[in-house]
Amino acid sequence: MKLSIIINHYRTPEILKICLKSLKKSLSEADFSWEIIVSDGATIEKTAEMMEEQFPEEIFIPFEKNVGFGKLVNAGIEKSQGEFLFIINADIIVEGKNTIPVMIEYLKKNEDVGLLGPQLLNINDTVQQSCFRFYTPLVVLCRRTFLGRISWGRKILNNFLMGDIFDQKNITKPIPADWLMGSAFMMKKSVVEEVGGLDEIFFMYFEDVDWARRFWEKGYRVIYFPEAKMYHYHFQSSKKKGGIKDLLFNKYTRIHLASAWKYFKKYRFKNVKYGL
């Protein structure tokens, strides 16, 4: 059995270095073979030199331009030789010898599971929201405007964030979710070959939403798996205040809205619900 770890990276070589070291330490006693593939957008000299000098045994895929999350990950999948794929962003830190093996074992025992996502933690050990119900146009409206601060909007956002599940108790067992944050998830390569790779019409944002939806449509469950925990240095570049200035001056907000439009148009604005 072989695991392929595909790291999506963009111009943060020091963070990538921490990620790589954490993976190698975590897997140092693994009883299976593994490979690491770094798919690098808009490669800079510092990253290329680091990979060549400090991590020459890893597969490095440089791109001259910033081609987007989907294209980077798909390039890594193409190069992969593993039966299992573990796709992460470069700001993920894996700790513990059993973190990755326990995810593999869960996928082995549950063949109907397509995507498996670990519990993501902030650096201060608080739990990071990483599983959700599907977006609707109202969710986007409430996230990006003042409507999210009124009672009606808060209810819509609470449902999107699965607040009825997470506000009730500390989740310790696997639960189904409509979609998982694309910062870290695992799957079988054979299932990806059936479902297809990430849709490259999305440059950034919504590619993970779309992928999860296609897994569900093919009959595979999407599972949030808190038994595996990882740290995620999550820089929220699209964090918004919900006003006209945000729409005008935050380019990540504009990219998010453009991706939302592509997603809703692709599915003809049809709402679905597969998880809890």
Foldseek 3Di string as FASTA:
>chain_A
DEEEEEEEEEPDQVLLVQQVVLVCVLQVPPPHHYAYEYQYALDDPVNVVCCVPPPVRHHYHYDNHLQADQVSVVVSLVPDDDQKYKYAYSQKGAHHNCQVVVQVVVCVVDVQAFKEAEFEAAPVRHTDQWFFWADAVLLLLLQQACVCVDPVNVVVVCNGSVVVPVVVDPDQAKFFGLFGHRRIIMGGSVLCVVLDGFDSVQRDPPSRNVSSNSSVVVRHTHIYHHPRYIYGHDDPLLRHPNDPCSCVPRVVSVSNVVVVVVVCVVVVSDHDGDTD
